[in-house]
Amino acid sequence: EQAADGSDAYRDKPPAVVLDVDETVLDNSP
């Protein structure tokens, strides 16, 4: 979505990484 809007719409925003939780950050195999 950001890519479609063009870099002027997001290039000056603070950076973030977006992580899923289950089976990405936390292991729920038990």
PDB file of all heavy atoms in Angstrom:
ATOM      1  N   GLU A   1       0.829  -1.205   0.000  1.00  0.00           N
ATOM      2  CA  GLU A   1       0.000   0.000   0.000  1.00  0.00           C
ATOM      3  C   GLU A   1       0.866   1.259   0.000  1.00  0.00           C
ATOM      4  O   GLU A   1       0.594   2.222  -0.732  1.00  0.00           O
ATOM      5  CB  GLU A   1      -0.939   0.001   1.199  1.00  0.00           C
ATOM      6  CG  GLU A   1      -2.000  -1.090   1.194  1.00  0.00           C
ATOM      7  CD  GLU A   1      -1.478  -2.440   1.674  1.00  0.00           C
ATOM      8  OE1 GLU A   1      -0.342  -2.496   2.202  1.00  0.00           O
ATOM      9  OE2 GLU A   1      -2.215  -3.440   1.536  1.00  0.00           O
ATOM     10  N   GLN A   2       1.903   1.267   0.824  1.00  0.00           N
ATOM     11  CA  GLN A   2       2.814   2.408   0.826  1.00  0.00           C
ATOM     12  C   GLN A   2       3.518   2.540  -0.517  1.00  0.00           C
ATOM     13  O   GLN A   2       3.677   3.648  -1.043  1.00  0.00           O
ATOM     14  CB  GLN A   2       3.845   2.266   1.946  1.00  0.00           C
ATOM     15  CG  GLN A   2       3.304   2.571   3.323  1.00  0.00           C
ATOM     16  CD  GLN A   2       4.396   2.609   4.387  1.00  0.00           C
ATOM     17  OE1 GLN A   2       5.428   1.957   4.268  1.00  0.00           O
ATOM     18  NE2 GLN A   2       4.155   3.378   5.440  1.00  0.00           N
ATOM     19  N   ALA A   3       3.933   1.430  -1.083  1.00  0.00           N
ATOM     20  CA  ALA A   3       4.621   1.462  -2.376  1.00  0.00           C
ATOM     21  C   ALA A   3       3.720   2.061  -3.449  1.00  0.00           C
ATOM     22  O   ALA A   3       4.185   2.826  -4.316  1.00  0.00           O
ATOM     23  CB  ALA A   3       5.066   0.063  -2.776  1.00  0.00           C
ATOM     24  N   ALA A   4       2.430   1.752  -3.389  1.00  0.00           N
ATOM     25  CA  ALA A   4       1.491   2.271  -4.382  1.00  0.00           C
ATOM     26  C   ALA A   4       1.311   3.778  -4.246  1.00  0.00           C
ATOM     27  O   ALA A   4       1.065   4.482  -5.240  1.00  0.00           O
ATOM     28  CB  ALA A   4       0.143   1.573  -4.245  1.00  0.00           C
ATOM     29  N   ASP A   5       1.456   4.299  -3.027  1.00  0.00           N
ATOM     30  CA  ASP A   5       1.286   5.735  -2.791  1.00  0.00           C
ATOM     31  C   ASP A   5       2.510   6.552  -3.189  1.00  0.00           C
ATOM     32  O   ASP A   5       2.424   7.778  -3.336  1.00  0.00           O
ATOM     33  CB  ASP A   5       0.972   6.002  -1.310  1.00  0.00           C
ATOM     34  CG  ASP A   5      -0.415   5.517  -0.930  1.00  0.00           C
ATOM     35  OD1 ASP A   5      -1.256   5.359  -1.836  1.00  0.00           O
ATOM     36  OD2 ASP A   5      -0.643   5.288   0.274  1.00  0.00           O
ATOM     37  N   GLY A   6       3.661   5.887  -3.343  1.00  0.00           N
ATOM     38  CA  GLY A   6       4.886   6.601  -3.698  1.00  0.00           C
ATOM     39  C   GLY A   6       5.696   6.979  -2.480  1.00  0.00           C
ATOM     40  O   GLY A   6       5.150   7.187  -1.397  1.00  0.00           O
ATOM     41  N   SER A   7       7.004   7.075  -2.645  1.00  0.00           N
ATOM     42  CA  SER A   7       7.906   7.269  -1.512  1.00  0.00           C
ATOM     43  C   SER A   7       7.708   8.597  -0.792  1.00  0.00           C
ATOM     44  O   SER A   7       8.018   8.715   0.394  1.00  0.00           O
ATOM     45  CB  SER A   7       9.364   7.138  -1.956  1.00  0.00           C
ATOM     46  OG  SER A   7       9.691   8.119  -2.927  1.00  0.00           O
ATOM     47  N   ASP A   8       7.177   9.596  -1.482  1.00  0.00           N
ATOM     48  CA  ASP A   8       6.963  10.887  -0.812  1.00  0.00           C
ATOM     49  C   ASP A   8       5.980  10.760   0.347  1.00  0.00           C
ATOM     50  O   ASP A   8       6.011  11.575   1.278  1.00  0.00           O
ATOM     51  CB  ASP A   8       6.430  11.927  -1.811  1.00  0.00           C
ATOM     52  CG  ASP A   8       7.502  12.389  -2.782  1.00  0.00           C
ATOM     53  OD1 ASP A   8       8.691  12.124  -2.510  1.00  0.00           O
ATOM     54  OD2 ASP A   8       7.145  12.987  -3.817  1.00  0.00           O
ATOM     55  N   ALA A   9       5.135   9.745   0.311  1.00  0.00           N
ATOM     56  CA  ALA A   9       4.108   9.572   1.342  1.00  0.00           C
ATOM     57  C   ALA A   9       4.639   8.897   2.597  1.00  0.00           C
ATOM     58  O   ALA A   9       3.998   8.966   3.650  1.00  0.00           O
ATOM     59  CB  ALA A   9       2.933   8.770   0.783  1.00  0.00           C
ATOM     60  N   TYR A  10       5.822   8.246   2.500  1.00  0.00           N
ATOM     61  CA  TYR A  10       6.288   7.492   3.663  1.00  0.00           C
ATOM     62  C   TYR A  10       7.761   7.679   3.996  1.00  0.00           C
ATOM     63  O   TYR A  10       8.203   7.314   5.089  1.00  0.00           O
ATOM     64  CB  TYR A  10       6.021   5.994   3.452  1.00  0.00           C
ATOM     65  CG  TYR A  10       6.752   5.374   2.278  1.00  0.00           C
ATOM     66  CD1 TYR A  10       8.100   5.020   2.361  1.00  0.00           C
ATOM     67  CD2 TYR A  10       6.081   5.123   1.080  1.00  0.00           C
ATOM     68  CE1 TYR A  10       8.759   4.447   1.284  1.00  0.00           C
ATOM     69  CE2 TYR A  10       6.742   4.563  -0.001  1.00  0.00           C
ATOM     70  CZ  TYR A  10       8.070   4.218   0.108  1.00  0.00           C
ATOM     71  OH  TYR A  10       8.740   3.661  -0.966  1.00  0.00           O
ATOM     72  N   ARG A  11       8.552   8.260   3.109  1.00  0.00           N
ATOM     73  CA  ARG A  11      10.014   8.263   3.294  1.00  0.00           C
ATOM     74  C   ARG A  11      10.461   8.981   4.568  1.00  0.00           C
ATOM     75  O   ARG A  11      11.504   8.631   5.137  1.00  0.00           O
ATOM     76  CB  ARG A  11      10.703   8.871   2.079  1.00  0.00           C
ATOM     77  CG  ARG A  11      10.359  10.324   1.828  1.00  0.00           C
ATOM     78  CD  ARG A  11      10.936  10.797   0.484  1.00  0.00           C
ATOM     79  NE  ARG A  11      12.371  10.534   0.421  1.00  0.00           N
ATOM     80  CZ  ARG A  11      13.065  10.540  -0.721  1.00  0.00           C
ATOM     81  NH1 ARG A  11      12.439  10.781  -1.871  1.00  0.00           N
ATOM     82  NH2 ARG A  11      14.353  10.326  -0.706  1.00  0.00           N
ATOM     83  N   ASP A  12       9.695   9.930   5.064  1.00  0.00           N
ATOM     84  CA  ASP A  12      10.089  10.674   6.256  1.00  0.00           C
ATOM     85  C   ASP A  12       9.456  10.142   7.545  1.00  0.00           C
ATOM     86  O   ASP A  12       9.673  10.706   8.614  1.00  0.00           O
ATOM     87  CB  ASP A  12       9.723  12.156   6.089  1.00  0.00           C
ATOM     88  CG  ASP A  12      10.522  12.814   4.976  1.00  0.00           C
ATOM     89  OD1 ASP A  12      11.695  12.428   4.791  1.00  0.00           O
ATOM     90  OD2 ASP A  12       9.966  13.688   4.288  1.00  0.00           O
ATOM     91  N   LYS A  13       8.701   9.073   7.441  1.00  0.00           N
ATOM     92  CA  LYS A  13       8.094   8.491   8.641  1.00  0.00           C
ATOM     93  C   LYS A  13       9.148   7.702   9.419  1.00  0.00           C
ATOM     94  O   LYS A  13      10.112   7.192   8.841  1.00  0.00           O
ATOM     95  CB  LYS A  13       6.940   7.560   8.257  1.00  0.00           C
ATOM     96  CG  LYS A  13       5.763   8.244   7.573  1.00  0.00           C
ATOM     97  CD  LYS A  13       4.671   7.236   7.241  1.00  0.00           C
ATOM     98  CE  LYS A  13       3.541   7.878   6.430  1.00  0.00           C
ATOM     99  NZ  LYS A  13       2.764   8.828   7.227  1.00  0.00           N
ATOM    100  N   PRO A  14       8.998   7.556  10.741  1.00  0.00           N
ATOM    101  CA  PRO A  14       9.932   6.738  11.505  1.00  0.00           C
ATOM    102  C   PRO A  14       9.824   5.267  11.095  1.00  0.00           C
ATOM    103  O   PRO A  14       8.745   4.813  10.692  1.00  0.00           O
ATOM    104  CB  PRO A  14       9.484   6.947  12.955  1.00  0.00           C
ATOM    105  CG  PRO A  14       8.057   7.378  12.854  1.00  0.00           C
ATOM    106  CD  PRO A  14       7.948   8.164  11.585  1.00  0.00           C
ATOM    107  N   PRO A  15      10.926   4.523  11.165  1.00  0.00           N
ATOM    108  CA  PRO A  15      10.914   3.137  10.689  1.00  0.00           C
ATOM    109  C   PRO A  15      10.305   2.164  11.692  1.00  0.00           C
ATOM    110  O   PRO A  15      10.390   2.351  12.904  1.00  0.00           O
ATOM    111  CB  PRO A  15      12.402   2.836  10.481  1.00  0.00           C
ATOM    112  CG  PRO A  15      13.093   3.681  11.515  1.00  0.00           C
ATOM    113  CD  PRO A  15      12.278   4.942  11.602  1.00  0.00           C
ATOM    114  N   ALA A  16       9.704   1.102  11.163  1.00  0.00           N
ATOM    115  CA  ALA A  16       9.145   0.042  12.005  1.00  0.00           C
ATOM    116  C   ALA A  16       9.271  -1.290  11.280  1.00  0.00           C
ATOM    117  O   ALA A  16       9.323  -1.349  10.044  1.00  0.00           O
ATOM    118  CB  ALA A  16       7.675   0.320  12.331  1.00  0.00           C
ATOM    119  N   VAL A  17       9.334  -2.351  12.059  1.00  0.00           N
ATOM    120  CA  VAL A  17       9.183  -3.699  11.521  1.00  0.00           C
ATOM    121  C   VAL A  17       7.914  -4.271  12.125  1.00  0.00           C
ATOM    122  O   VAL A  17       7.601  -4.028  13.292  1.00  0.00           O
ATOM    123  CB  VAL A  17      10.394  -4.602  11.843  1.00  0.00           C
ATOM    124  CG1 VAL A  17      11.621  -4.142  11.079  1.00  0.00           C
ATOM    125  CG2 VAL A  17      10.686  -4.653  13.337  1.00  0.00           C
ATOM    126  N   VAL A  18       7.174  -5.027  11.330  1.00  0.00           N
ATOM    127  CA  VAL A  18       5.899  -5.592  11.765  1.00  0.00           C
ATOM    128  C   VAL A  18       6.046  -7.108  11.856  1.00  0.00           C
ATOM    129  O   VAL A  18       6.314  -7.778  10.846  1.00  0.00           O
ATOM    130  CB  VAL A  18       4.768  -5.210  10.802  1.00  0.00           C
ATOM    131  CG1 VAL A  18       3.448  -5.854  11.246  1.00  0.00           C
ATOM    132  CG2 VAL A  18       4.616  -3.694  10.727  1.00  0.00           C
ATOM    133  N   LEU A  19       5.878  -7.630  13.064  1.00  0.00           N
ATOM    134  CA  LEU A  19       6.030  -9.057  13.310  1.00  0.00           C
ATOM    135  C   LEU A  19       4.701  -9.678  13.715  1.00  0.00           C
ATOM    136  O   LEU A  19       4.008  -9.162  14.601  1.00  0.00           O
ATOM    137  CB  LEU A  19       7.032  -9.306  14.443  1.00  0.00           C
ATOM    138  CG  LEU A  19       8.393  -8.615  14.382  1.00  0.00           C
ATOM    139  CD1 LEU A  19       9.212  -8.973  15.614  1.00  0.00           C
ATOM    140  CD2 LEU A  19       9.137  -9.017  13.127  1.00  0.00           C
ATOM    141  N   ASP A  20       4.351 -10.777  13.080  1.00  0.00           N
ATOM    142  CA  ASP A  20       3.282 -11.620  13.598  1.00  0.00           C
ATOM    143  C   ASP A  20       3.763 -12.195  14.928  1.00  0.00           C
ATOM    144  O   ASP A  20       4.959 -12.132  15.245  1.00  0.00           O
ATOM    145  CB  ASP A  20       2.990 -12.732  12.593  1.00  0.00           C
ATOM    146  CG  ASP A  20       2.013 -13.759  13.128  1.00  0.00           C
ATOM    147  OD1 ASP A  20       0.917 -13.376  13.561  1.00  0.00           O
ATOM    148  OD2 ASP A  20       2.357 -14.959  13.117  1.00  0.00           O
ATOM    149  N   VAL A  21       2.865 -12.758  15.723  1.00  0.00           N
ATOM    150  CA  VAL A  21       3.264 -13.315  17.019  1.00  0.00           C
ATOM    151  C   VAL A  21       3.345 -14.837  16.985  1.00  0.00           C
ATOM    152  O   VAL A  21       4.419 -15.422  17.170  1.00  0.00           O
ATOM    153  CB  VAL A  21       2.302 -12.846  18.139  1.00  0.00           C
ATOM    154  CG1 VAL A  21       2.608 -13.578  19.457  1.00  0.00           C
ATOM    155  CG2 VAL A  21       2.434 -11.346  18.334  1.00  0.00           C
ATOM    156  N   ASP A  22       2.230 -15.501  16.757  1.00  0.00           N
ATOM    157  CA  ASP A  22       2.192 -16.957  16.902  1.00  0.00           C
ATOM    158  C   ASP A  22       2.934 -17.669  15.783  1.00  0.00           C
ATOM    159  O   ASP A  22       2.672 -17.470  14.598  1.00  0.00           O
ATOM    160  CB  ASP A  22       0.736 -17.430  16.968  1.00  0.00           C
ATOM    161  CG  ASP A  22       0.041 -16.876  18.203  1.00  0.00           C
ATOM    162  OD1 ASP A  22       0.619 -16.977  19.297  1.00  0.00           O
ATOM    163  OD2 ASP A  22      -1.073 -16.327  18.067  1.00  0.00           O
ATOM    164  N   GLU A  23       3.902 -18.488  16.167  1.00  0.00           N
ATOM    165  CA  GLU A  23       4.771 -19.245  15.281  1.00  0.00           C
ATOM    166  C   GLU A  23       5.704 -18.344  14.475  1.00  0.00           C
ATOM    167  O   GLU A  23       6.389 -18.802  13.566  1.00  0.00           O
ATOM    168  CB  GLU A  23       3.969 -20.137  14.337  1.00  0.00           C
ATOM    169  CG  GLU A  23       3.374 -21.400  14.936  1.00  0.00           C
ATOM    170  CD  GLU A  23       2.902 -21.314  16.375  1.00  0.00           C
ATOM    171  OE1 GLU A  23       1.732 -20.988  16.630  1.00  0.00           O
ATOM    172  OE2 GLU A  23       3.717 -21.596  17.271  1.00  0.00           O
ATOM    173  N   THR A  24       5.748 -17.062  14.818  1.00  0.00           N
ATOM    174  CA  THR A  24       6.713 -16.125  14.238  1.00  0.00           C
ATOM    175  C   THR A  24       7.634 -15.595  15.324  1.00  0.00           C
ATOM    176  O   THR A  24       8.853 -15.571  15.159  1.00  0.00           O
ATOM    177  CB  THR A  24       5.983 -14.954  13.549  1.00  0.00           C
ATOM    178  OG1 THR A  24       5.192 -15.458  12.479  1.00  0.00           O
ATOM    179  CG2 THR A  24       6.974 -13.937  13.001  1.00  0.00           C
ATOM    180  N   VAL A  25       7.042 -15.195  16.436  1.00  0.00           N
ATOM    181  CA  VAL A  25       7.785 -14.703  17.591  1.00  0.00           C
ATOM    182  C   VAL A  25       7.665 -15.679  18.766  1.00  0.00           C
ATOM    183  O   VAL A  25       8.642 -15.968  19.442  1.00  0.00           O
ATOM    184  CB  VAL A  25       7.277 -13.301  17.994  1.00  0.00           C
ATOM    185  CG1 VAL A  25       7.815 -12.882  19.347  1.00  0.00           C
ATOM    186  CG2 VAL A  25       7.678 -12.272  16.936  1.00  0.00           C
ATOM    187  N   LEU A  26       6.458 -16.180  18.998  1.00  0.00           N
ATOM    188  CA  LEU A  26       6.220 -17.120  20.093  1.00  0.00           C
ATOM    189  C   LEU A  26       5.893 -18.509  19.549  1.00  0.00           C
ATOM    190  O   LEU A  26       5.093 -18.658  18.623  1.00  0.00           O
ATOM    191  CB  LEU A  26       5.068 -16.633  20.980  1.00  0.00           C
ATOM    192  CG  LEU A  26       5.302 -15.323  21.734  1.00  0.00           C
ATOM    193  CD1 LEU A  26       4.074 -14.974  22.569  1.00  0.00           C
ATOM    194  CD2 LEU A  26       6.548 -15.407  22.618  1.00  0.00           C
ATOM    195  N   ASP A  27       6.517 -19.511  20.161  1.00  0.00           N
ATOM    196  CA  ASP A  27       6.349 -20.914  19.768  1.00  0.00           C
ATOM    197  C   ASP A  27       5.245 -21.551  20.612  1.00  0.00           C
ATOM    198  O   ASP A  27       5.398 -21.728  21.822  1.00  0.00           O
ATOM    199  CB  ASP A  27       7.678 -21.652  19.969  1.00  0.00           C
ATOM    200  CG  ASP A  27       7.562 -23.151  19.806  1.00  0.00           C
ATOM    201  OD1 ASP A  27       6.540 -23.627  19.276  1.00  0.00           O
ATOM    202  OD2 ASP A  27       8.498 -23.859  20.226  1.00  0.00           O
ATOM    203  N   ASN A  28       4.145 -21.915  19.952  1.00  0.00           N
ATOM    204  CA  ASN A  28       3.013 -22.525  20.648  1.00  0.00           C
ATOM    205  C   ASN A  28       2.915 -24.028  20.423  1.00  0.00           C
ATOM    206  O   ASN A  28       1.852 -24.618  20.630  1.00  0.00           O
ATOM    207  CB  ASN A  28       1.706 -21.865  20.180  1.00  0.00           C
ATOM    208  CG  ASN A  28       1.693 -20.381  20.439  1.00  0.00           C
ATOM    209  OD1 ASN A  28       1.600 -19.933  21.568  1.00  0.00           O
ATOM    210  ND2 ASN A  28       1.794 -19.590  19.372  1.00  0.00           N
ATOM    211  N   SER A  29       4.005 -24.651  20.013  1.00  0.00           N
ATOM    212  CA  SER A  29       3.943 -26.087  19.744  1.00  0.00           C
ATOM    213  C   SER A  29       3.533 -26.910  20.971  1.00  0.00           C
ATOM    214  O   SER A  29       2.927 -27.980  20.802  1.00  0.00           O
ATOM    215  CB  SER A  29       5.274 -26.590  19.178  1.00  0.00           C
ATOM    216  OG  SER A  29       6.337 -26.395  20.093  1.00  0.00           O
ATOM    217  N   PRO A  30       3.803 -26.460  22.229  1.00  0.00           N
ATOM    218  CA  PRO A  30       3.293 -27.238  23.362  1.00  0.00           C
ATOM    219  C   PRO A  30       1.763 -27.334  23.371  1.00  0.00           C
ATOM    220  O   PRO A  30       1.205 -28.345  23.807  1.00  0.00           O
ATOM    221  CB  PRO A  30       3.811 -26.474  24.586  1.00  0.00           C
ATOM    222  CG  PRO A  30       5.057 -25.806  24.103  1.00  0.00           C
ATOM    223  CD  PRO A  30       4.743 -25.403  22.692  1.00  0.00           C
TER     224      PRO A  30
END
